[in-house]
Amino acid sequence: MHRSADDPGRRPKMNNRETGIDPTPAPGTTCTVDTAEELRHLHRLEVEIEAAFPDLPADKVRTTVEQTWLGFLYAPVRDFVPLLVRRQALDELRHLTSR
C-alpha cells in the first residue's frame, strides 16, 4: 500500500530548518545527517567502533563510519541505518586489520 505525503501515518521528513542541524559537513568530516537523532546515532557509532579498534587511527575509523553512513543517505527506511552502518563499518575495519 502506497501512502501519500499527506498521510498522518507517514513520518514526515524533517528539514534542516526544523532540526537546527547545518547540512554542511563539519570541518574535518565528510558526512551530513538529516535529524538530531541520526547525528546522535552517528556519534555513538563512531565512539563504539573507535573503542573496538584502538590500534587504528581514530580519523580512519570516523571516516569509515561516515562514508558507510553516506552509502545509506537515500535509504527510504531510516530506522535500520545505524544497525546497517555498524555492521558494514565493522566488517570493513576488520578486513583492514586482518591484512
C-alpha atoms as a PDB file:
ATOM      1  CA  MET A   1       0.000   0.000   0.000  1.00  0.00           C
ATOM      2  CA  HIS A   2       1.420   3.353  -1.023  1.00  0.00           C
ATOM      3  CA  ARG A   3       0.987   6.249   1.405  1.00  0.00           C
ATOM      4  CA  SER A   4       0.922   9.821   0.285  1.00  0.00           C
ATOM      5  CA  ALA A   5       2.982  12.568   1.910  1.00  0.00           C
ATOM      6  CA  ASP A   6      -0.266  13.890   3.438  1.00  0.00           C
ATOM      7  CA  ASP A   7      -0.999  10.604   5.215  1.00  0.00           C
ATOM      8  CA  PRO A   8      -0.844  11.159   9.000  1.00  0.00           C
ATOM      9  CA  GLY A   9       0.577   7.632   9.438  1.00  0.00           C
ATOM     10  CA  ARG A  10       3.675   8.537   7.471  1.00  0.00           C
ATOM     11  CA  ARG A  11       6.588  10.076   9.354  1.00  0.00           C
ATOM     12  CA  PRO A  12       7.394  13.392   7.682  1.00  0.00           C
ATOM     13  CA  LYS A  13      10.948  14.040   6.555  1.00  0.00           C
ATOM     14  CA  MET A  14      12.308  16.824   8.725  1.00  0.00           C
ATOM     15  CA  ASN A  15      14.207  19.571   7.027  1.00  0.00           C
ATOM     16  CA  ASN A  16      17.309  21.249   8.392  1.00  0.00           C
ATOM     17  CA  ARG A  17      15.382  24.330   9.488  1.00  0.00           C
ATOM     18  CA  GLU A  18      13.235  22.172  11.813  1.00  0.00           C
ATOM     19  CA  THR A  19      16.149  20.212  13.262  1.00  0.00           C
ATOM     20  CA  GLY A  20      18.582  23.091  13.594  1.00  0.00           C
ATOM     21  CA  ILE A  21      21.327  20.978  12.028  1.00  0.00           C
ATOM     22  CA  ASP A  22      23.564  22.649   9.488  1.00  0.00           C
ATOM     23  CA  PRO A  23      23.536  20.437   6.361  1.00  0.00           C
ATOM     24  CA  THR A  24      27.178  21.185   5.550  1.00  0.00           C
ATOM     25  CA  PRO A  25      29.767  18.797   6.947  1.00  0.00           C
ATOM     26  CA  ALA A  26      31.696  19.976   9.990  1.00  0.00           C
ATOM     27  CA  PRO A  27      35.385  20.762   9.418  1.00  0.00           C
ATOM     28  CA  GLY A  28      37.332  17.543   9.199  1.00  0.00           C
ATOM     29  CA  THR A  29      34.251  15.407   8.441  1.00  0.00           C
ATOM     30  CA  THR A  30      32.582  14.304   5.245  1.00  0.00           C
ATOM     31  CA  CYS A  31      29.132  13.347   6.441  1.00  0.00           C
ATOM     32  CA  THR A  32      25.808  15.114   6.747  1.00  0.00           C
ATOM     33  CA  VAL A  33      22.747  13.867   8.599  1.00  0.00           C
ATOM     34  CA  ASP A  34      19.075  14.760   8.428  1.00  0.00           C
ATOM     35  CA  THR A  35      17.984  14.780  12.055  1.00  0.00           C
ATOM     36  CA  ALA A  36      19.387  15.276  15.530  1.00  0.00           C
ATOM     37  CA  GLU A  37      18.562  11.634  16.284  1.00  0.00           C
ATOM     38  CA  GLU A  38      20.670  10.456  13.352  1.00  0.00           C
ATOM     39  CA  LEU A  39      23.501  12.707  14.472  1.00  0.00           C
ATOM     40  CA  ARG A  40      23.406  11.053  17.923  1.00  0.00           C
ATOM     41  CA  HIS A  41      23.429   7.597  16.325  1.00  0.00           C
ATOM     42  CA  LEU A  42      26.366   8.540  14.122  1.00  0.00           C
ATOM     43  CA  HIS A  43      28.362   9.878  17.079  1.00  0.00           C
ATOM     44  CA  ARG A  44      27.609   6.779  19.210  1.00  0.00           C
ATOM     45  CA  LEU A  45      28.714   4.518  16.369  1.00  0.00           C
ATOM     46  CA  GLU A  46      31.966   6.416  15.949  1.00  0.00           C
ATOM     47  CA  VAL A  47      32.738   6.187  19.675  1.00  0.00           C
ATOM     48  CA  GLU A  48      31.797   2.499  19.884  1.00  0.00           C
ATOM     49  CA  ILE A  49      33.766   1.480  16.819  1.00  0.00           C
ATOM     50  CA  GLU A  50      36.807   3.571  17.783  1.00  0.00           C
ATOM     51  CA  ALA A  51      36.865   1.658  21.089  1.00  0.00           C
ATOM     52  CA  ALA A  52      36.677  -1.659  19.219  1.00  0.00           C
ATOM     53  CA  PHE A  53      39.725  -0.751  17.100  1.00  0.00           C
ATOM     54  CA  PRO A  54      42.155   1.062  19.419  1.00  0.00           C
ATOM     55  CA  ASP A  55      45.108   0.260  17.129  1.00  0.00           C
ATOM     56  CA  LEU A  56      43.596   2.102  14.169  1.00  0.00           C
ATOM     57  CA  PRO A  57      43.805   5.889  13.875  1.00  0.00           C
ATOM     58  CA  ALA A  58      40.578   7.498  15.113  1.00  0.00           C
ATOM     59  CA  ASP A  59      40.250   9.536  11.916  1.00  0.00           C
ATOM     60  CA  LYS A  60      40.337   6.314   9.831  1.00  0.00           C
ATOM     61  CA  VAL A  61      37.536   4.838  11.941  1.00  0.00           C
ATOM     62  CA  ARG A  62      35.453   8.037  11.758  1.00  0.00           C
ATOM     63  CA  THR A  63      35.959   8.299   8.005  1.00  0.00           C
ATOM     64  CA  THR A  64      34.924   4.666   7.539  1.00  0.00           C
ATOM     65  CA  VAL A  65      31.763   5.145   9.615  1.00  0.00           C
ATOM     66  CA  GLU A  66      30.880   8.416   7.865  1.00  0.00           C
ATOM     67  CA  GLN A  67      31.481   7.034   4.381  1.00  0.00           C
ATOM     68  CA  THR A  68      29.382   3.995   5.229  1.00  0.00           C
ATOM     69  CA  TRP A  69      26.613   6.291   6.530  1.00  0.00           C
ATOM     70  CA  LEU A  70      26.703   8.214   3.255  1.00  0.00           C
ATOM     71  CA  GLY A  71      26.047   4.946   1.429  1.00  0.00           C
ATOM     72  CA  PHE A  72      22.667   4.833   3.171  1.00  0.00           C
ATOM     73  CA  LEU A  73      21.908   8.542   2.745  1.00  0.00           C
ATOM     74  CA  TYR A  74      18.919   7.927   0.472  1.00  0.00           C
ATOM     75  CA  ALA A  75      17.635   4.777   2.160  1.00  0.00           C
ATOM     76  CA  PRO A  76      13.850   5.170   2.333  1.00  0.00           C
ATOM     77  CA  VAL A  77      13.602   3.368   5.682  1.00  0.00           C
ATOM     78  CA  ARG A  78      15.840   5.176   8.179  1.00  0.00           C
ATOM     79  CA  ASP A  79      15.175   3.019  11.254  1.00  0.00           C
ATOM     80  CA  PHE A  80      17.794   0.406  10.397  1.00  0.00           C
ATOM     81  CA  VAL A  81      20.524   2.700   9.062  1.00  0.00           C
ATOM     82  CA  PRO A  82      22.555   2.742  12.318  1.00  0.00           C
ATOM     83  CA  LEU A  83      22.498  -1.068  12.528  1.00  0.00           C
ATOM     84  CA  LEU A  84      23.472  -1.481   8.881  1.00  0.00           C
ATOM     85  CA  VAL A  85      26.216   1.142   9.135  1.00  0.00           C
ATOM     86  CA  ARG A  86      27.606  -0.507  12.272  1.00  0.00           C
ATOM     87  CA  ARG A  87      27.706  -3.942  10.643  1.00  0.00           C
ATOM     88  CA  GLN A  88      29.261  -2.751   7.394  1.00  0.00           C
ATOM     89  CA  ALA A  89      31.841  -0.458   9.044  1.00  0.00           C
ATOM     90  CA  LEU A  90      32.911  -3.212  11.471  1.00  0.00           C
ATOM     91  CA  ASP A  91      33.324  -5.650   8.587  1.00  0.00           C
ATOM     92  CA  GLU A  92      35.415  -3.174   6.607  1.00  0.00           C
ATOM     93  CA  LEU A  93      37.655  -2.312   9.557  1.00  0.00           C
ATOM     94  CA  ARG A  94      38.102  -5.999  10.475  1.00  0.00           C
ATOM     95  CA  HIS A  95      39.185  -6.617   6.904  1.00  0.00           C
ATOM     96  CA  LEU A  96      41.757  -3.812   7.182  1.00  0.00           C
ATOM     97  CA  THR A  97      43.202  -5.143  10.423  1.00  0.00           C
ATOM     98  CA  SER A  98      43.418  -8.755   9.190  1.00  0.00           C
ATOM     99  CA  ARG A  99      45.891  -7.952   6.418  1.00  0.00           C
END
